[in-house]
Amino acid sequence: MSEHVEDPKPGGRLPKARIKKTRRSWWLWLIPLGALALCVWFIYRDYIATGPAITIYFQDASGLEENNTMLNYLGTTVGQVKKLQLARDKKRVEVKARLAGSASQLARAGTAFWIVRPELKVGAISGLRTIISGEYIAVRPGNGAPTNIFMGAESEPIPEVPGSLQITLLAPELGSLQQNSAIYYRGIKVGQVLLYQLGNDAQEVKLHARIDPEYAALVRVNSKFWNAGGLDFRFGIFRGAEISAESAKTLLSGGIAFATPTDAGEPASDGKVFRLYDKPDDAWKNWMPEIKLQLPEQAPEVAQPPGMNLK
C-alpha cells in the first residue's frame, strides 16, 4: 500500500513511493494456486486415473445413454458410456466408452460385451434389476492381445468350458427347446444346448450341445437322447392314464434327457451326431451302466453346532 506525497518544489528531488505490506495480501495467491490444483485434478481424473477409451459396436443400442449407462463386471462399475453414434456403414451403433483405471486389463481381445435388458421368456426371467436402474453393458474379460475395438454380442455369450464334449442332436422340430436348455442324466443337469439351426436340407433341426467335462464319460456311442420337455401322456387298458414330466423346469423351458445302455459302448468323441427322439422307450430308463466319473471334490460338511443333534 502506497502513501501520497505532495509534489516537491521545482528543482527538488523526486519523492520515492513507500510500499507498505498488509497481512491480507497473501490471500491473493490462493486464486492462481486453486486454479492450478483444479487443473492438476482434471488431468489426473481424465488421463491418469481412468483407463483406456474403447469402442463397442452393437446392432441395437436401445436403452443406452451417454454419460449415464455403466459397464459392469462382477457387480462392479468398470466404465461408462461416453458417446453414441451411427457407424460408418449405417448398420450398427458405435458406442464409445471409457474404462476405469482399475479395469484397464479388460481392453483385450476376447473380452465380451452385451447389453442387459429386462427379459421375460418361457421358464426364465432375467434383467429385472434394469427396470429400476436402466440398461447396462455387462463385461466378461478375455485374455487376448490389447485392443480397443470390440463387437458387442446380442445376448450373453455362453462361455467356453475346456474339456467339455461337443455333440450334435438331430430332431424333426425344435418344440420347446431353446438356447441354454438343460441336458439331464437321471435328473441331474450335465450339459446344455448351445445353439440350434435348420439342417442343410431344411428337413430337420440341428441342436449343437455341450456335455460338462466331469460328465462327458456318460455319453457313449450307443447312448439315447430324447426330448424331456412338456408332458408325457400314456394310456393303457389295465393301468389307465399316466401323465408325467421330467421336471417342473423342463415343463416350461424345455430340456433333453439321455440314457446309456448297461453294456455301454465306446466313449463318444467331439462332433458325434445323435438322433433326438420325441419320447424314450421304457427300457432306456431301466439301463444301469457302471461308469467311473472324475467328479470334483465335494464341499466339506458344515460343522454341527454344539448341543444340536440333526440325526
C-alpha atoms as a PDB file:
ATOM      1  CA  MET A   1       0.000   0.000   0.000  1.00  0.00           C
ATOM      2  CA  SER A   2       1.483   3.387  -1.032  1.00  0.00           C
ATOM      3  CA  GLU A   3       1.165   6.768   0.774  1.00  0.00           C
ATOM      4  CA  HIS A   4       0.542  10.045  -1.098  1.00  0.00           C
ATOM      5  CA  VAL A   5       3.386  12.530  -1.018  1.00  0.00           C
ATOM      6  CA  GLU A   6       2.879  16.163  -2.098  1.00  0.00           C
ATOM      7  CA  ASP A   7       4.648  17.437  -5.211  1.00  0.00           C
ATOM      8  CA  PRO A   8       8.089  18.839  -4.392  1.00  0.00           C
ATOM      9  CA  LYS A   9       9.200  22.341  -5.263  1.00  0.00           C
ATOM     10  CA  PRO A  10      10.700  22.984  -8.706  1.00  0.00           C
ATOM     11  CA  GLY A  11      14.259  21.743  -8.867  1.00  0.00           C
ATOM     12  CA  GLY A  12      13.834  19.490  -5.842  1.00  0.00           C
ATOM     13  CA  ARG A  13      14.327  15.767  -5.739  1.00  0.00           C
ATOM     14  CA  LEU A  14      11.513  13.469  -6.842  1.00  0.00           C
ATOM     15  CA  PRO A  15       9.826  11.677  -3.972  1.00  0.00           C
ATOM     16  CA  LYS A  16      10.045   7.906  -3.609  1.00  0.00           C
ATOM     17  CA  ALA A  17       6.947   5.820  -3.098  1.00  0.00           C
ATOM     18  CA  ARG A  18       6.875   3.915   0.121  1.00  0.00           C
ATOM     19  CA  ILE A  19       5.244   0.462  -0.140  1.00  0.00           C
ATOM     20  CA  LYS A  20       3.622  -0.922   2.916  1.00  0.00           C
ATOM     21  CA  LYS A  21       2.686  -4.642   3.004  1.00  0.00           C
ATOM     22  CA  THR A  22      -0.521  -5.782   4.656  1.00  0.00           C
ATOM     23  CA  ARG A  23      -1.196  -9.115   6.301  1.00  0.00           C
ATOM     24  CA  ARG A  24      -4.073  -9.848   3.900  1.00  0.00           C
ATOM     25  CA  SER A  25      -2.045  -9.679   0.656  1.00  0.00           C
ATOM     26  CA  TRP A  26      -1.138 -13.419   0.748  1.00  0.00           C
ATOM     27  CA  TRP A  27      -4.787 -14.326   0.158  1.00  0.00           C
ATOM     28  CA  LEU A  28      -4.416 -13.152  -3.433  1.00  0.00           C
ATOM     29  CA  TRP A  29      -2.122 -16.119  -4.162  1.00  0.00           C
ATOM     30  CA  LEU A  30      -4.892 -18.583  -3.344  1.00  0.00           C
ATOM     31  CA  ILE A  31      -6.724 -17.866  -6.603  1.00  0.00           C
ATOM     32  CA  PRO A  32      -3.932 -18.988  -9.027  1.00  0.00           C
ATOM     33  CA  LEU A  33      -2.938 -21.833  -6.706  1.00  0.00           C
ATOM     34  CA  GLY A  34      -6.527 -23.068  -6.573  1.00  0.00           C
ATOM     35  CA  ALA A  35      -6.834 -22.879 -10.369  1.00  0.00           C
ATOM     36  CA  LEU A  36      -3.582 -24.834 -10.741  1.00  0.00           C
ATOM     37  CA  ALA A  37      -4.754 -27.510  -8.299  1.00  0.00           C
ATOM     38  CA  LEU A  38      -8.055 -27.828 -10.196  1.00  0.00           C
ATOM     39  CA  CYS A  39      -6.212 -28.282 -13.498  1.00  0.00           C
ATOM     40  CA  VAL A  40      -3.997 -30.966 -11.952  1.00  0.00           C
ATOM     41  CA  TRP A  41      -7.091 -32.772 -10.628  1.00  0.00           C
ATOM     42  CA  PHE A  42      -8.800 -32.737 -14.052  1.00  0.00           C
ATOM     43  CA  ILE A  43      -5.655 -34.072 -15.721  1.00  0.00           C
ATOM     44  CA  TYR A  44      -5.372 -36.844 -13.112  1.00  0.00           C
ATOM     45  CA  ARG A  45      -9.059 -37.761 -13.361  1.00  0.00           C
ATOM     46  CA  ASP A  46      -9.306 -37.746 -17.169  1.00  0.00           C
ATOM     47  CA  TYR A  47      -5.909 -39.086 -18.229  1.00  0.00           C
ATOM     48  CA  ILE A  48      -4.144 -40.782 -15.330  1.00  0.00           C
ATOM     49  CA  ALA A  49      -6.775 -42.314 -13.009  1.00  0.00           C
ATOM     50  CA  THR A  50      -9.029 -43.514 -15.852  1.00  0.00           C
ATOM     51  CA  GLY A  51      -8.461 -46.444 -18.158  1.00  0.00           C
ATOM     52  CA  PRO A  52      -8.382 -46.547 -21.955  1.00  0.00           C
ATOM     53  CA  ALA A  53     -11.143 -45.407 -24.283  1.00  0.00           C
ATOM     54  CA  ILE A  54     -12.799 -48.286 -26.164  1.00  0.00           C
ATOM     55  CA  THR A  55     -15.313 -48.610 -28.998  1.00  0.00           C
ATOM     56  CA  ILE A  56     -18.036 -51.274 -28.994  1.00  0.00           C
ATOM     57  CA  TYR A  57     -20.303 -51.964 -31.981  1.00  0.00           C
ATOM     58  CA  PHE A  58     -23.881 -53.129 -31.357  1.00  0.00           C
ATOM     59  CA  GLN A  59     -26.709 -53.978 -33.748  1.00  0.00           C
ATOM     60  CA  ASP A  60     -29.128 -52.205 -31.416  1.00  0.00           C
ATOM     61  CA  ALA A  61     -28.174 -49.752 -28.657  1.00  0.00           C
ATOM     62  CA  SER A  62     -31.700 -49.115 -27.370  1.00  0.00           C
ATOM     63  CA  GLY A  63     -31.695 -48.085 -23.711  1.00  0.00           C
ATOM     64  CA  LEU A  64     -28.091 -46.819 -23.639  1.00  0.00           C
ATOM     65  CA  GLU A  65     -27.476 -43.205 -22.645  1.00  0.00           C
ATOM     66  CA  GLU A  66     -24.409 -41.006 -22.957  1.00  0.00           C
ATOM     67  CA  ASN A  67     -22.638 -40.277 -19.641  1.00  0.00           C
ATOM     68  CA  ASN A  68     -25.207 -42.391 -17.801  1.00  0.00           C
ATOM     69  CA  THR A  69     -25.030 -46.049 -18.881  1.00  0.00           C
ATOM     70  CA  MET A  70     -22.432 -48.047 -16.956  1.00  0.00           C
ATOM     71  CA  LEU A  71     -20.221 -51.008 -17.809  1.00  0.00           C
ATOM     72  CA  ASN A  72     -20.440 -53.692 -15.111  1.00  0.00           C
ATOM     73  CA  TYR A  73     -18.283 -56.682 -14.272  1.00  0.00           C
ATOM     74  CA  LEU A  74     -18.998 -58.901 -11.243  1.00  0.00           C
ATOM     75  CA  GLY A  75     -21.465 -56.316  -9.973  1.00  0.00           C
ATOM     76  CA  THR A  76     -18.858 -53.531 -10.043  1.00  0.00           C
ATOM     77  CA  THR A  77     -18.841 -50.471 -12.286  1.00  0.00           C
ATOM     78  CA  VAL A  78     -15.798 -50.661 -14.568  1.00  0.00           C
ATOM     79  CA  GLY A  79     -16.597 -47.945 -17.074  1.00  0.00           C
ATOM     80  CA  GLN A  80     -19.131 -45.566 -18.561  1.00  0.00           C
ATOM     81  CA  VAL A  81     -20.633 -44.895 -21.983  1.00  0.00           C
ATOM     82  CA  LYS A  82     -19.424 -41.533 -23.285  1.00  0.00           C
ATOM     83  CA  LYS A  83     -20.831 -41.239 -26.800  1.00  0.00           C
ATOM     84  CA  LEU A  84     -23.342 -42.926 -29.117  1.00  0.00           C
ATOM     85  CA  GLN A  85     -23.342 -42.554 -32.879  1.00  0.00           C
ATOM     86  CA  LEU A  86     -24.076 -44.462 -36.055  1.00  0.00           C
ATOM     87  CA  ALA A  87     -21.198 -46.400 -37.539  1.00  0.00           C
ATOM     88  CA  ARG A  88     -19.968 -45.516 -40.994  1.00  0.00           C
ATOM     89  CA  ASP A  89     -21.795 -48.446 -42.571  1.00  0.00           C
ATOM     90  CA  LYS A  90     -25.090 -47.158 -41.036  1.00  0.00           C
ATOM     91  CA  LYS A  91     -25.883 -50.738 -39.964  1.00  0.00           C
ATOM     92  CA  ARG A  92     -24.513 -50.656 -36.434  1.00  0.00           C
ATOM     93  CA  VAL A  93     -24.235 -48.305 -33.487  1.00  0.00           C
ATOM     94  CA  GLU A  94     -20.820 -47.134 -32.380  1.00  0.00           C
ATOM     95  CA  VAL A  95     -20.629 -46.958 -28.597  1.00  0.00           C
ATOM     96  CA  LYS A  96     -17.621 -45.119 -27.205  1.00  0.00           C
ATOM     97  CA  ALA A  97     -16.862 -45.838 -23.556  1.00  0.00           C
ATOM     98  CA  ARG A  98     -14.151 -45.091 -21.034  1.00  0.00           C
ATOM     99  CA  LEU A  99     -12.899 -47.844 -18.733  1.00  0.00           C
ATOM    100  CA  ALA A 100     -11.925 -47.209 -15.128  1.00  0.00           C
ATOM    101  CA  GLY A 101      -8.235 -47.233 -14.328  1.00  0.00           C
ATOM    102  CA  SER A 102      -8.590 -50.433 -12.308  1.00  0.00           C
ATOM    103  CA  ALA A 103     -10.258 -52.130 -15.299  1.00  0.00           C
ATOM    104  CA  SER A 104      -7.596 -51.407 -17.935  1.00  0.00           C
ATOM    105  CA  GLN A 105      -6.936 -55.139 -18.406  1.00  0.00           C
ATOM    106  CA  LEU A 106     -10.445 -55.572 -19.831  1.00  0.00           C
ATOM    107  CA  ALA A 107      -9.315 -53.893 -23.053  1.00  0.00           C
ATOM    108  CA  ARG A 108      -8.123 -57.173 -24.566  1.00  0.00           C
ATOM    109  CA  ALA A 109      -9.176 -59.337 -27.468  1.00  0.00           C
ATOM    110  CA  GLY A 110     -11.730 -61.905 -26.406  1.00  0.00           C
ATOM    111  CA  THR A 111     -13.476 -59.632 -23.917  1.00  0.00           C
ATOM    112  CA  ALA A 112     -17.252 -59.905 -24.410  1.00  0.00           C
ATOM    113  CA  PHE A 113     -19.733 -57.042 -24.094  1.00  0.00           C
ATOM    114  CA  TRP A 114     -23.511 -57.336 -24.178  1.00  0.00           C
ATOM    115  CA  ILE A 115     -26.463 -55.169 -23.161  1.00  0.00           C
ATOM    116  CA  VAL A 116     -28.513 -56.408 -20.207  1.00  0.00           C
ATOM    117  CA  ARG A 117     -32.213 -55.649 -20.615  1.00  0.00           C
ATOM    118  CA  PRO A 118     -35.287 -56.929 -18.768  1.00  0.00           C
ATOM    119  CA  GLU A 119     -36.365 -60.147 -20.465  1.00  0.00           C
ATOM    120  CA  LEU A 120     -39.309 -62.428 -19.894  1.00  0.00           C
ATOM    121  CA  LYS A 121     -39.428 -65.765 -21.677  1.00  0.00           C
ATOM    122  CA  VAL A 122     -40.824 -69.191 -21.046  1.00  0.00           C
ATOM    123  CA  GLY A 123     -39.230 -70.626 -17.928  1.00  0.00           C
ATOM    124  CA  ALA A 124     -36.895 -67.713 -17.246  1.00  0.00           C
ATOM    125  CA  ILE A 125     -36.916 -64.094 -16.163  1.00  0.00           C
ATOM    126  CA  SER A 126     -33.744 -62.031 -16.381  1.00  0.00           C
ATOM    127  CA  GLY A 127     -32.578 -58.445 -16.108  1.00  0.00           C
ATOM    128  CA  LEU A 128     -35.241 -57.362 -13.599  1.00  0.00           C
ATOM    129  CA  ARG A 129     -32.718 -55.017 -11.983  1.00  0.00           C
ATOM    130  CA  THR A 130     -32.628 -52.908 -15.163  1.00  0.00           C
ATOM    131  CA  ILE A 131     -36.287 -51.949 -14.744  1.00  0.00           C
ATOM    132  CA  ILE A 132     -35.176 -49.597 -11.958  1.00  0.00           C
ATOM    133  CA  SER A 133     -31.543 -48.821 -12.756  1.00  0.00           C
ATOM    134  CA  GLY A 134     -31.778 -48.888 -16.546  1.00  0.00           C
ATOM    135  CA  GLU A 135     -29.920 -50.970 -19.101  1.00  0.00           C
ATOM    136  CA  TYR A 136     -26.208 -51.543 -18.640  1.00  0.00           C
ATOM    137  CA  ILE A 137     -23.391 -53.214 -20.542  1.00  0.00           C
ATOM    138  CA  ALA A 138     -22.111 -56.424 -18.963  1.00  0.00           C
ATOM    139  CA  VAL A 139     -18.493 -57.449 -19.437  1.00  0.00           C
ATOM    140  CA  ARG A 140     -16.704 -60.793 -19.485  1.00  0.00           C
ATOM    141  CA  PRO A 141     -12.894 -60.464 -19.686  1.00  0.00           C
ATOM    142  CA  GLY A 142     -10.781 -62.034 -22.394  1.00  0.00           C
ATOM    143  CA  ASN A 143      -7.087 -62.876 -22.402  1.00  0.00           C
ATOM    144  CA  GLY A 144      -6.006 -61.844 -25.881  1.00  0.00           C
ATOM    145  CA  ALA A 145      -3.775 -59.040 -27.079  1.00  0.00           C
ATOM    146  CA  PRO A 146      -4.575 -55.441 -26.034  1.00  0.00           C
ATOM    147  CA  THR A 147      -7.173 -53.761 -28.251  1.00  0.00           C
ATOM    148  CA  ASN A 148      -9.813 -51.036 -28.028  1.00  0.00           C
ATOM    149  CA  ILE A 149     -12.253 -52.200 -30.744  1.00  0.00           C
ATOM    150  CA  PHE A 150     -14.948 -54.772 -29.893  1.00  0.00           C
ATOM    151  CA  MET A 151     -18.049 -56.335 -31.451  1.00  0.00           C
ATOM    152  CA  GLY A 152     -20.860 -56.428 -28.913  1.00  0.00           C
ATOM    153  CA  ALA A 153     -22.966 -59.578 -28.522  1.00  0.00           C
ATOM    154  CA  GLU A 154     -26.747 -59.532 -28.823  1.00  0.00           C
ATOM    155  CA  SER A 155     -27.116 -61.669 -25.699  1.00  0.00           C
ATOM    156  CA  GLU A 156     -24.893 -63.129 -23.027  1.00  0.00           C
ATOM    157  CA  PRO A 157     -22.348 -65.383 -24.763  1.00  0.00           C
ATOM    158  CA  ILE A 158     -22.076 -68.918 -23.474  1.00  0.00           C
ATOM    159  CA  PRO A 159     -18.568 -69.265 -22.006  1.00  0.00           C
ATOM    160  CA  GLU A 160     -16.259 -71.945 -23.310  1.00  0.00           C
ATOM    161  CA  VAL A 161     -15.560 -74.878 -20.999  1.00  0.00           C
ATOM    162  CA  PRO A 162     -12.249 -76.649 -21.691  1.00  0.00           C
ATOM    163  CA  GLY A 163     -12.563 -80.423 -21.809  1.00  0.00           C
ATOM    164  CA  SER A 164     -16.312 -80.467 -22.494  1.00  0.00           C
ATOM    165  CA  LEU A 165     -17.846 -82.837 -25.046  1.00  0.00           C
ATOM    166  CA  GLN A 166     -19.438 -81.225 -28.114  1.00  0.00           C
ATOM    167  CA  ILE A 167     -22.261 -83.206 -29.728  1.00  0.00           C
ATOM    168  CA  THR A 168     -24.977 -82.632 -32.322  1.00  0.00           C
ATOM    169  CA  LEU A 169     -28.586 -83.729 -31.916  1.00  0.00           C
ATOM    170  CA  LEU A 170     -30.977 -84.124 -34.864  1.00  0.00           C
ATOM    171  CA  ALA A 171     -34.696 -83.558 -34.260  1.00  0.00           C
ATOM    172  CA  PRO A 172     -37.731 -83.322 -36.577  1.00  0.00           C
ATOM    173  CA  GLU A 173     -38.683 -79.986 -34.946  1.00  0.00           C
ATOM    174  CA  LEU A 174     -37.458 -77.642 -32.223  1.00  0.00           C
ATOM    175  CA  GLY A 175     -40.513 -77.821 -29.963  1.00  0.00           C
ATOM    176  CA  SER A 176     -39.989 -76.186 -26.575  1.00  0.00           C
ATOM    177  CA  LEU A 177     -36.199 -76.406 -26.756  1.00  0.00           C
ATOM    178  CA  GLN A 178     -34.150 -73.222 -26.827  1.00  0.00           C
ATOM    179  CA  GLN A 179     -30.647 -71.941 -26.277  1.00  0.00           C
ATOM    180  CA  ASN A 180     -29.392 -72.918 -22.810  1.00  0.00           C
ATOM    181  CA  SER A 181     -31.984 -75.704 -22.455  1.00  0.00           C
ATOM    182  CA  ALA A 182     -30.517 -78.193 -19.992  1.00  0.00           C
ATOM    183  CA  ILE A 183     -29.423 -81.764 -20.711  1.00  0.00           C
ATOM    184  CA  TYR A 184     -30.130 -84.232 -17.898  1.00  0.00           C
ATOM    185  CA  TYR A 185     -28.850 -87.627 -16.861  1.00  0.00           C
ATOM    186  CA  ARG A 186     -31.009 -89.256 -14.151  1.00  0.00           C
ATOM    187  CA  GLY A 187     -32.483 -85.848 -13.381  1.00  0.00           C
ATOM    188  CA  ILE A 188     -29.108 -84.124 -12.874  1.00  0.00           C
ATOM    189  CA  LYS A 189     -28.050 -81.374 -15.253  1.00  0.00           C
ATOM    190  CA  VAL A 190     -24.924 -82.448 -17.108  1.00  0.00           C
ATOM    191  CA  GLY A 191     -24.933 -80.131 -20.123  1.00  0.00           C
ATOM    192  CA  GLN A 192     -26.839 -77.612 -22.194  1.00  0.00           C
ATOM    193  CA  VAL A 193     -27.914 -76.643 -25.696  1.00  0.00           C
ATOM    194  CA  LEU A 194     -25.572 -74.059 -27.222  1.00  0.00           C
ATOM    195  CA  LEU A 195     -27.464 -73.161 -30.381  1.00  0.00           C
ATOM    196  CA  TYR A 196     -29.842 -74.563 -32.960  1.00  0.00           C
ATOM    197  CA  GLN A 197     -30.385 -74.216 -36.699  1.00  0.00           C
ATOM    198  CA  LEU A 198     -32.114 -75.856 -39.621  1.00  0.00           C
ATOM    199  CA  GLY A 199     -30.307 -78.690 -41.332  1.00  0.00           C
ATOM    200  CA  ASN A 200     -28.793 -78.225 -44.774  1.00  0.00           C
ATOM    201  CA  ASP A 201     -31.836 -79.794 -46.431  1.00  0.00           C
ATOM    202  CA  ALA A 202     -34.315 -77.956 -44.147  1.00  0.00           C
ATOM    203  CA  GLN A 203     -35.892 -81.299 -43.170  1.00  0.00           C
ATOM    204  CA  GLU A 204     -34.627 -81.375 -39.591  1.00  0.00           C
ATOM    205  CA  VAL A 205     -33.296 -79.233 -36.785  1.00  0.00           C
ATOM    206  CA  LYS A 206     -29.682 -79.390 -35.649  1.00  0.00           C
ATOM    207  CA  LEU A 207     -29.007 -78.730 -31.998  1.00  0.00           C
ATOM    208  CA  HIS A 208     -25.411 -78.157 -31.008  1.00  0.00           C
ATOM    209  CA  ALA A 209     -24.951 -79.145 -27.388  1.00  0.00           C
ATOM    210  CA  ARG A 210     -22.232 -79.464 -24.789  1.00  0.00           C
ATOM    211  CA  ILE A 211     -21.722 -82.002 -22.004  1.00  0.00           C
ATOM    212  CA  ASP A 212     -19.747 -80.771 -18.987  1.00  0.00           C
ATOM    213  CA  PRO A 213     -16.226 -82.257 -18.683  1.00  0.00           C
ATOM    214  CA  GLU A 214     -16.920 -84.197 -15.475  1.00  0.00           C
ATOM    215  CA  TYR A 215     -19.919 -85.907 -17.117  1.00  0.00           C
ATOM    216  CA  ALA A 216     -18.538 -86.435 -20.626  1.00  0.00           C
ATOM    217  CA  ALA A 217     -17.836 -90.128 -19.913  1.00  0.00           C
ATOM    218  CA  LEU A 218     -21.584 -90.768 -19.572  1.00  0.00           C
ATOM    219  CA  VAL A 219     -22.118 -90.238 -23.297  1.00  0.00           C
ATOM    220  CA  ARG A 220     -21.309 -93.340 -25.324  1.00  0.00           C
ATOM    221  CA  VAL A 221     -21.731 -94.119 -28.990  1.00  0.00           C
ATOM    222  CA  ASN A 222     -24.893 -96.110 -28.177  1.00  0.00           C
ATOM    223  CA  SER A 223     -26.488 -93.537 -25.813  1.00  0.00           C
ATOM    224  CA  LYS A 224     -30.084 -92.470 -26.497  1.00  0.00           C
ATOM    225  CA  PHE A 225     -31.349 -88.892 -26.256  1.00  0.00           C
ATOM    226  CA  TRP A 226     -34.956 -87.733 -26.051  1.00  0.00           C
ATOM    227  CA  ASN A 227     -36.951 -84.548 -25.632  1.00  0.00           C
ATOM    228  CA  ALA A 228     -37.753 -84.204 -21.927  1.00  0.00           C
ATOM    229  CA  GLY A 229     -39.897 -81.087 -22.252  1.00  0.00           C
ATOM    230  CA  GLY A 230     -43.666 -80.993 -21.956  1.00  0.00           C
ATOM    231  CA  LEU A 231     -45.928 -83.720 -20.630  1.00  0.00           C
ATOM    232  CA  ASP A 232     -45.670 -87.417 -21.363  1.00  0.00           C
ATOM    233  CA  PHE A 233     -49.162 -88.889 -21.636  1.00  0.00           C
ATOM    234  CA  ARG A 234     -49.659 -92.648 -21.812  1.00  0.00           C
ATOM    235  CA  PHE A 235     -52.810 -94.738 -21.645  1.00  0.00           C
ATOM    236  CA  GLY A 236     -53.176 -98.415 -21.036  1.00  0.00           C
ATOM    237  CA  ILE A 237     -56.253-100.631 -20.704  1.00  0.00           C
ATOM    238  CA  PHE A 238     -55.124-102.112 -17.410  1.00  0.00           C
ATOM    239  CA  ARG A 239     -53.082 -99.257 -15.913  1.00  0.00           C
ATOM    240  CA  GLY A 240     -55.210 -96.357 -17.096  1.00  0.00           C
ATOM    241  CA  ALA A 241     -53.845 -92.922 -17.958  1.00  0.00           C
ATOM    242  CA  GLU A 242     -50.350 -91.850 -16.887  1.00  0.00           C
ATOM    243  CA  ILE A 243     -49.109 -88.262 -17.091  1.00  0.00           C
ATOM    244  CA  SER A 244     -45.501 -87.470 -16.257  1.00  0.00           C
ATOM    245  CA  ALA A 245     -42.842 -84.801 -16.818  1.00  0.00           C
ATOM    246  CA  GLU A 246     -39.065 -84.883 -16.449  1.00  0.00           C
ATOM    247  CA  SER A 247     -39.173 -81.871 -14.102  1.00  0.00           C
ATOM    248  CA  ALA A 248     -41.164 -78.701 -13.484  1.00  0.00           C
ATOM    249  CA  LYS A 249     -38.438 -76.674 -15.172  1.00  0.00           C
ATOM    250  CA  THR A 250     -38.381 -78.708 -18.385  1.00  0.00           C
ATOM    251  CA  LEU A 251     -42.157 -78.472 -18.483  1.00  0.00           C
ATOM    252  CA  LEU A 252     -41.770 -74.727 -19.098  1.00  0.00           C
ATOM    253  CA  SER A 253     -38.373 -74.167 -20.688  1.00  0.00           C
ATOM    254  CA  GLY A 254     -37.750 -77.499 -22.390  1.00  0.00           C
ATOM    255  CA  GLY A 255     -34.954 -79.944 -21.821  1.00  0.00           C
ATOM    256  CA  ILE A 256     -33.194 -83.050 -23.065  1.00  0.00           C
ATOM    257  CA  ALA A 257     -32.527 -86.311 -21.231  1.00  0.00           C
ATOM    258  CA  PHE A 258     -30.381 -89.266 -22.210  1.00  0.00           C
ATOM    259  CA  ALA A 259     -29.534 -92.754 -21.052  1.00  0.00           C
ATOM    260  CA  THR A 260     -26.665 -95.130 -21.739  1.00  0.00           C
ATOM    261  CA  PRO A 261     -27.114 -98.928 -22.088  1.00  0.00           C
ATOM    262  CA  THR A 262     -25.882-101.235 -19.361  1.00  0.00           C
ATOM    263  CA  ASP A 263     -23.376-102.606 -21.867  1.00  0.00           C
ATOM    264  CA  ALA A 264     -22.027 -99.112 -22.599  1.00  0.00           C
ATOM    265  CA  GLY A 265     -20.200 -98.676 -25.869  1.00  0.00           C
ATOM    266  CA  GLU A 266     -17.088 -96.660 -26.608  1.00  0.00           C
ATOM    267  CA  PRO A 267     -16.991 -93.068 -25.297  1.00  0.00           C
ATOM    268  CA  ALA A 268     -18.396 -90.560 -27.778  1.00  0.00           C
ATOM    269  CA  SER A 269     -15.958 -88.164 -29.413  1.00  0.00           C
ATOM    270  CA  ASP A 270     -16.387 -84.478 -30.230  1.00  0.00           C
ATOM    271  CA  GLY A 271     -18.823 -83.914 -33.084  1.00  0.00           C
ATOM    272  CA  LYS A 272     -20.715 -87.178 -32.556  1.00  0.00           C
ATOM    273  CA  VAL A 273     -24.251 -86.979 -34.026  1.00  0.00           C
ATOM    274  CA  PHE A 274     -27.242 -88.478 -32.183  1.00  0.00           C
ATOM    275  CA  ARG A 275     -30.921 -88.746 -33.034  1.00  0.00           C
ATOM    276  CA  LEU A 276     -33.164 -86.840 -30.626  1.00  0.00           C
ATOM    277  CA  TYR A 277     -36.310 -88.885 -30.027  1.00  0.00           C
ATOM    278  CA  ASP A 278     -39.674 -87.455 -29.027  1.00  0.00           C
ATOM    279  CA  LYS A 279     -40.174 -89.997 -26.225  1.00  0.00           C
ATOM    280  CA  PRO A 280     -37.999 -92.592 -24.512  1.00  0.00           C
ATOM    281  CA  ASP A 281     -38.562 -96.318 -24.615  1.00  0.00           C
ATOM    282  CA  ASP A 282     -39.388 -97.823 -21.233  1.00  0.00           C
ATOM    283  CA  ALA A 283     -36.232 -99.932 -21.401  1.00  0.00           C
ATOM    284  CA  TRP A 284     -33.969 -96.861 -21.655  1.00  0.00           C
ATOM    285  CA  LYS A 285     -34.868 -95.621 -18.187  1.00  0.00           C
ATOM    286  CA  ASN A 286     -34.027 -99.030 -16.741  1.00  0.00           C
ATOM    287  CA  TRP A 287     -30.474 -99.092 -18.084  1.00  0.00           C
ATOM    288  CA  MET A 288     -27.880 -99.204 -15.265  1.00  0.00           C
ATOM    289  CA  PRO A 289     -24.361 -98.775 -16.679  1.00  0.00           C
ATOM    290  CA  GLU A 290     -21.419 -98.543 -14.307  1.00  0.00           C
ATOM    291  CA  ILE A 291     -19.336 -95.585 -15.480  1.00  0.00           C
ATOM    292  CA  LYS A 292     -16.482 -94.101 -13.458  1.00  0.00           C
ATOM    293  CA  LEU A 293     -16.621 -90.309 -13.278  1.00  0.00           C
ATOM    294  CA  GLN A 294     -13.914 -87.809 -12.370  1.00  0.00           C
ATOM    295  CA  LEU A 295     -16.072 -85.568 -10.198  1.00  0.00           C
ATOM    296  CA  PRO A 296     -14.715 -82.525  -8.347  1.00  0.00           C
ATOM    297  CA  GLU A 297     -14.235 -82.839  -4.626  1.00  0.00           C
ATOM    298  CA  GLN A 298     -17.360 -82.207  -2.612  1.00  0.00           C
ATOM    299  CA  ALA A 299     -17.570 -79.235  -0.270  1.00  0.00           C
ATOM    300  CA  PRO A 300     -16.729 -80.092   3.354  1.00  0.00           C
ATOM    301  CA  GLU A 301     -19.620 -80.832   5.634  1.00  0.00           C
ATOM    302  CA  VAL A 302     -20.946 -77.964   7.721  1.00  0.00           C
ATOM    303  CA  ALA A 303     -19.922 -78.286  11.344  1.00  0.00           C
ATOM    304  CA  GLN A 304     -22.787 -79.230  13.614  1.00  0.00           C
ATOM    305  CA  PRO A 305     -23.481 -76.591  16.301  1.00  0.00           C
ATOM    306  CA  PRO A 306     -22.816 -77.813  19.857  1.00  0.00           C
ATOM    307  CA  GLY A 307     -25.807 -79.341  21.565  1.00  0.00           C
ATOM    308  CA  MET A 308     -27.761 -79.888  18.320  1.00  0.00           C
ATOM    309  CA  ASN A 309     -28.492 -83.410  17.125  1.00  0.00           C
ATOM    310  CA  LEU A 310     -29.508 -83.479  13.460  1.00  0.00           C
ATOM    311  CA  LYS A 311     -29.954 -87.250  13.285  1.00  0.00           C
END
